[in-house]
Amino acid sequence: MAEQKPIHYFVCSDSSDSLNLNNSTEENTIVEYFDSEEDVDLAKFAEIVKSKPNCVQKYFIVYNGTEYCAVKTDNVENTYIFSLKHRSSIVPKLAAGTATIDAFIEYDKHMEDMAKKLETQPGFKLRDSNGKVIPDGKEFAIQILSDPEDELDEDTEG
């Protein structure tokens, strides 16, 4: 198996402390820093990445301290923004070439479309295990039983 090429990160220098280089998703990286949001020039960053043939050439990541943005080097308009909690699942897939920015964008669009369909079901009413309608805005908990013979935990019901 070929060794994975380094991923190129551009990181706001104010956020450099939050980039954990001991983390497995960042152990094979090249990091360059920029001073502020005004210094973010995706086209320039893409040219820098293209000039380094020993790193992943298809995309790079920009981190501003609050969110990550994966950017295609051949089309800097094609970006995918994701959070810290999703980084460990997204970055390795992009680096290994098992997923693309386009695939993540398409998946998110599909999930948004599914959520819209759920929101627009006319007449839908959430009901508790006794069939009583749960009023809009009321907090509730859902308990999923893996076996129909399982008992409901009475503390979470209603």
C-alpha atoms as a PDB file:
ATOM      1  CA  MET A   1       0.000   0.000   0.000  1.00  0.00           C
ATOM      2  CA  ALA A   2       1.401   3.379  -1.011  1.00  0.00           C
ATOM      3  CA  GLU A   3       2.108   5.895   1.694  1.00  0.00           C
ATOM      4  CA  GLN A   4      -0.447   8.675   1.874  1.00  0.00           C
ATOM      5  CA  LYS A   5       0.813  12.029   0.680  1.00  0.00           C
ATOM      6  CA  PRO A   6       0.655  14.971   3.103  1.00  0.00           C
ATOM      7  CA  ILE A   7      -2.474  17.089   3.238  1.00  0.00           C
ATOM      8  CA  HIS A   8      -1.895  20.815   2.835  1.00  0.00           C
ATOM      9  CA  TYR A   9      -3.516  22.989   5.533  1.00  0.00           C
ATOM     10  CA  PHE A  10      -3.702  26.780   5.534  1.00  0.00           C
ATOM     11  CA  VAL A  11      -4.353  27.888   9.099  1.00  0.00           C
ATOM     12  CA  CYS A  12      -5.114  31.286  10.581  1.00  0.00           C
ATOM     13  CA  SER A  13      -2.169  32.015  12.876  1.00  0.00           C
ATOM     14  CA  ASP A  14      -4.570  33.053  15.656  1.00  0.00           C
ATOM     15  CA  SER A  15      -5.930  29.491  15.584  1.00  0.00           C
ATOM     16  CA  SER A  16      -2.663  27.587  15.410  1.00  0.00           C
ATOM     17  CA  ASP A  17      -3.042  26.367  18.999  1.00  0.00           C
ATOM     18  CA  SER A  18      -6.247  24.513  18.136  1.00  0.00           C
ATOM     19  CA  LEU A  19      -4.663  22.486  15.324  1.00  0.00           C
ATOM     20  CA  ASN A  20      -3.558  19.293  17.043  1.00  0.00           C
ATOM     21  CA  LEU A  21      -0.730  17.872  14.986  1.00  0.00           C
ATOM     22  CA  ASN A  22      -0.642  14.756  17.186  1.00  0.00           C
ATOM     23  CA  ASN A  23      -4.140  13.858  15.997  1.00  0.00           C
ATOM     24  CA  SER A  24      -4.292  10.928  13.584  1.00  0.00           C
ATOM     25  CA  THR A  25      -6.161  12.957  10.966  1.00  0.00           C
ATOM     26  CA  GLU A  26      -3.386  15.518  10.910  1.00  0.00           C
ATOM     27  CA  GLU A  27      -0.262  13.419  11.329  1.00  0.00           C
ATOM     28  CA  ASN A  28       0.687  13.695   7.670  1.00  0.00           C
ATOM     29  CA  THR A  29       0.256  17.382   6.938  1.00  0.00           C
ATOM     30  CA  ILE A  30       1.913  20.461   5.582  1.00  0.00           C
ATOM     31  CA  VAL A  31       0.808  23.577   7.452  1.00  0.00           C
ATOM     32  CA  GLU A  32       1.149  27.162   6.278  1.00  0.00           C
ATOM     33  CA  TYR A  33      -0.198  30.064   8.272  1.00  0.00           C
ATOM     34  CA  PHE A  34      -2.013  33.226   7.250  1.00  0.00           C
ATOM     35  CA  ASP A  35      -2.536  36.271   9.457  1.00  0.00           C
ATOM     36  CA  SER A  36      -6.224  37.084   9.069  1.00  0.00           C
ATOM     37  CA  GLU A  37      -9.386  36.365   7.070  1.00  0.00           C
ATOM     38  CA  GLU A  38      -8.376  39.165   4.676  1.00  0.00           C
ATOM     39  CA  ASP A  39      -5.326  37.061   3.723  1.00  0.00           C
ATOM     40  CA  VAL A  40      -7.399  34.116   2.496  1.00  0.00           C
ATOM     41  CA  ASP A  41      -6.817  33.859  -1.232  1.00  0.00           C
ATOM     42  CA  LEU A  42      -8.024  30.450  -2.386  1.00  0.00           C
ATOM     43  CA  ALA A  43      -6.585  30.814  -5.887  1.00  0.00           C
ATOM     44  CA  LYS A  44      -3.154  31.646  -4.429  1.00  0.00           C
ATOM     45  CA  PHE A  45      -3.419  28.739  -1.970  1.00  0.00           C
ATOM     46  CA  ALA A  46      -4.307  26.401  -4.869  1.00  0.00           C
ATOM     47  CA  GLU A  47      -1.188  27.514  -6.777  1.00  0.00           C
ATOM     48  CA  ILE A  48       0.965  26.870  -3.697  1.00  0.00           C
ATOM     49  CA  VAL A  49      -0.450  23.340  -3.394  1.00  0.00           C
ATOM     50  CA  LYS A  50       0.029  22.660  -7.117  1.00  0.00           C
ATOM     51  CA  SER A  51       3.675  23.684  -6.765  1.00  0.00           C
ATOM     52  CA  LYS A  52       4.254  20.924  -4.183  1.00  0.00           C
ATOM     53  CA  PRO A  53       3.972  17.624  -6.087  1.00  0.00           C
ATOM     54  CA  ASN A  54       4.653  15.528  -2.990  1.00  0.00           C
ATOM     55  CA  CYS A  55       1.413  16.544  -1.276  1.00  0.00           C
ATOM     56  CA  VAL A  56      -2.232  15.719  -2.020  1.00  0.00           C
ATOM     57  CA  GLN A  57      -2.914  17.676  -5.213  1.00  0.00           C
ATOM     58  CA  LYS A  58      -6.714  17.417  -5.520  1.00  0.00           C
ATOM     59  CA  TYR A  59      -7.638  19.572  -2.555  1.00  0.00           C
ATOM     60  CA  PHE A  60      -6.379  21.530   0.441  1.00  0.00           C
ATOM     61  CA  ILE A  61      -7.914  22.587   3.742  1.00  0.00           C
ATOM     62  CA  VAL A  62      -8.339  26.088   5.147  1.00  0.00           C
ATOM     63  CA  TYR A  63      -8.922  26.378   8.899  1.00  0.00           C
ATOM     64  CA  ASN A  64      -9.969  29.719  10.373  1.00  0.00           C
ATOM     65  CA  GLY A  65     -10.352  28.616  13.988  1.00  0.00           C
ATOM     66  CA  THR A  66     -14.047  27.795  13.857  1.00  0.00           C
ATOM     67  CA  GLU A  67     -14.560  25.721  10.725  1.00  0.00           C
ATOM     68  CA  TYR A  68     -12.676  23.735   8.145  1.00  0.00           C
ATOM     69  CA  CYS A  69     -13.065  24.265   4.424  1.00  0.00           C
ATOM     70  CA  ALA A  70     -11.892  21.653   1.927  1.00  0.00           C
ATOM     71  CA  VAL A  71     -11.154  23.312  -1.421  1.00  0.00           C
ATOM     72  CA  LYS A  72     -10.565  21.691  -4.810  1.00  0.00           C
ATOM     73  CA  THR A  73      -7.301  22.922  -6.311  1.00  0.00           C
ATOM     74  CA  ASP A  74      -8.616  22.841  -9.878  1.00  0.00           C
ATOM     75  CA  ASN A  75     -11.805  24.758  -9.005  1.00  0.00           C
ATOM     76  CA  VAL A  76     -11.564  26.899  -5.857  1.00  0.00           C
ATOM     77  CA  GLU A  77     -15.290  27.664  -6.124  1.00  0.00           C
ATOM     78  CA  ASN A  78     -15.898  24.009  -5.211  1.00  0.00           C
ATOM     79  CA  THR A  79     -15.604  23.950  -1.440  1.00  0.00           C
ATOM     80  CA  TYR A  80     -16.976  21.903   1.443  1.00  0.00           C
ATOM     81  CA  ILE A  81     -17.249  23.400   4.926  1.00  0.00           C
ATOM     82  CA  PHE A  82     -17.249  21.075   7.917  1.00  0.00           C
ATOM     83  CA  SER A  83     -16.802  21.225  11.677  1.00  0.00           C
ATOM     84  CA  LEU A  84     -14.187  19.833  14.029  1.00  0.00           C
ATOM     85  CA  LYS A  85     -16.470  16.942  14.998  1.00  0.00           C
ATOM     86  CA  HIS A  86     -16.610  15.726  11.366  1.00  0.00           C
ATOM     87  CA  ARG A  87     -12.931  16.265  10.556  1.00  0.00           C
ATOM     88  CA  SER A  88     -11.765  12.798  11.584  1.00  0.00           C
ATOM     89  CA  SER A  89     -14.214  11.143   9.199  1.00  0.00           C
ATOM     90  CA  ILE A  90     -13.940  13.548   6.248  1.00  0.00           C
ATOM     91  CA  VAL A  91     -10.212  14.312   5.944  1.00  0.00           C
ATOM     92  CA  PRO A  92      -8.975  10.697   5.687  1.00  0.00           C
ATOM     93  CA  LYS A  93     -11.559   9.906   2.994  1.00  0.00           C
ATOM     94  CA  LEU A  94     -10.508  12.916   0.955  1.00  0.00           C
ATOM     95  CA  ALA A  95      -6.808  12.152   1.420  1.00  0.00           C
ATOM     96  CA  ALA A  96      -7.196   8.498   0.443  1.00  0.00           C
ATOM     97  CA  GLY A  97      -9.316   9.418  -2.565  1.00  0.00           C
ATOM     98  CA  THR A  98     -12.230   7.273  -1.357  1.00  0.00           C
ATOM     99  CA  ALA A  99     -14.534  10.308  -1.343  1.00  0.00           C
ATOM    100  CA  THR A 100     -14.622  13.671  -3.038  1.00  0.00           C
ATOM    101  CA  ILE A 101     -15.759  17.139  -2.044  1.00  0.00           C
ATOM    102  CA  ASP A 102     -18.556  16.722  -4.602  1.00  0.00           C
ATOM    103  CA  ALA A 103     -19.731  13.521  -2.880  1.00  0.00           C
ATOM    104  CA  PHE A 104     -19.910  15.251   0.512  1.00  0.00           C
ATOM    105  CA  ILE A 105     -21.789  18.205  -0.998  1.00  0.00           C
ATOM    106  CA  GLU A 106     -24.243  15.841  -2.727  1.00  0.00           C
ATOM    107  CA  TYR A 107     -24.784  13.868   0.497  1.00  0.00           C
ATOM    108  CA  ASP A 108     -25.511  17.053   2.476  1.00  0.00           C
ATOM    109  CA  LYS A 109     -27.934  18.227  -0.221  1.00  0.00           C
ATOM    110  CA  HIS A 110     -29.702  14.866  -0.113  1.00  0.00           C
ATOM    111  CA  MET A 111     -29.999  15.057   3.691  1.00  0.00           C
ATOM    112  CA  GLU A 112     -31.369  18.626   3.485  1.00  0.00           C
ATOM    113  CA  ASP A 113     -33.941  17.502   0.912  1.00  0.00           C
ATOM    114  CA  MET A 114     -34.978  14.610   3.151  1.00  0.00           C
ATOM    115  CA  ALA A 115     -35.336  16.967   6.132  1.00  0.00           C
ATOM    116  CA  LYS A 116     -37.523  19.326   4.063  1.00  0.00           C
ATOM    117  CA  LYS A 117     -39.770  16.437   3.093  1.00  0.00           C
ATOM    118  CA  LEU A 118     -40.145  15.495   6.749  1.00  0.00           C
ATOM    119  CA  GLU A 119     -40.945  19.084   7.716  1.00  0.00           C
ATOM    120  CA  THR A 120     -43.718  19.350   5.134  1.00  0.00           C
ATOM    121  CA  GLN A 121     -45.750  16.251   6.009  1.00  0.00           C
ATOM    122  CA  PRO A 122     -49.256  17.679   6.414  1.00  0.00           C
ATOM    123  CA  GLY A 123     -51.131  16.524   9.474  1.00  0.00           C
ATOM    124  CA  PHE A 124     -48.133  14.831  11.095  1.00  0.00           C
ATOM    125  CA  LYS A 125     -48.397  14.672  14.875  1.00  0.00           C
ATOM    126  CA  LEU A 126     -45.787  13.135  17.160  1.00  0.00           C
ATOM    127  CA  ARG A 127     -47.411  10.765  19.654  1.00  0.00           C
ATOM    128  CA  ASP A 128     -46.173   9.107  22.834  1.00  0.00           C
ATOM    129  CA  SER A 129     -46.379   5.358  23.511  1.00  0.00           C
ATOM    130  CA  ASN A 130     -49.971   5.786  24.749  1.00  0.00           C
ATOM    131  CA  GLY A 131     -51.047   7.533  21.541  1.00  0.00           C
ATOM    132  CA  LYS A 132     -51.300  11.000  23.100  1.00  0.00           C
ATOM    133  CA  VAL A 133     -50.212  13.883  20.841  1.00  0.00           C
ATOM    134  CA  ILE A 134     -47.021  15.635  21.998  1.00  0.00           C
ATOM    135  CA  PRO A 135     -47.610  19.395  21.682  1.00  0.00           C
ATOM    136  CA  ASP A 136     -45.321  21.412  19.398  1.00  0.00           C
ATOM    137  CA  GLY A 137     -42.388  22.893  21.307  1.00  0.00           C
ATOM    138  CA  LYS A 138     -42.516  20.369  24.170  1.00  0.00           C
ATOM    139  CA  GLU A 139     -39.248  18.611  24.969  1.00  0.00           C
ATOM    140  CA  PHE A 140     -39.371  14.843  24.763  1.00  0.00           C
ATOM    141  CA  ALA A 141     -37.102  11.795  24.610  1.00  0.00           C
ATOM    142  CA  ILE A 142     -37.330   8.904  22.207  1.00  0.00           C
ATOM    143  CA  GLN A 143     -36.474   5.407  23.342  1.00  0.00           C
ATOM    144  CA  ILE A 144     -35.902   2.884  20.574  1.00  0.00           C
ATOM    145  CA  LEU A 145     -36.503  -0.730  21.497  1.00  0.00           C
ATOM    146  CA  SER A 146     -34.456  -3.370  19.693  1.00  0.00           C
ATOM    147  CA  ASP A 147     -36.800  -6.163  20.734  1.00  0.00           C
ATOM    148  CA  PRO A 148     -40.600  -5.734  20.708  1.00  0.00           C
ATOM    149  CA  GLU A 149     -40.755  -7.557  24.054  1.00  0.00           C
ATOM    150  CA  ASP A 150     -38.489  -4.973  25.755  1.00  0.00           C
ATOM    151  CA  GLU A 151     -40.127  -2.763  28.343  1.00  0.00           C
ATOM    152  CA  LEU A 152     -40.204   1.015  28.031  1.00  0.00           C
ATOM    153  CA  ASP A 153     -38.233   2.914  30.654  1.00  0.00           C
ATOM    154  CA  GLU A 154     -41.050   4.756  32.400  1.00  0.00           C
ATOM    155  CA  ASP A 155     -38.668   7.617  33.393  1.00  0.00           C
ATOM    156  CA  THR A 156     -38.186   8.666  29.733  1.00  0.00           C
ATOM    157  CA  GLU A 157     -41.784   8.279  28.652  1.00  0.00           C
ATOM    158  CA  GLY A 158     -44.111  11.265  28.199  1.00  0.00           C
END
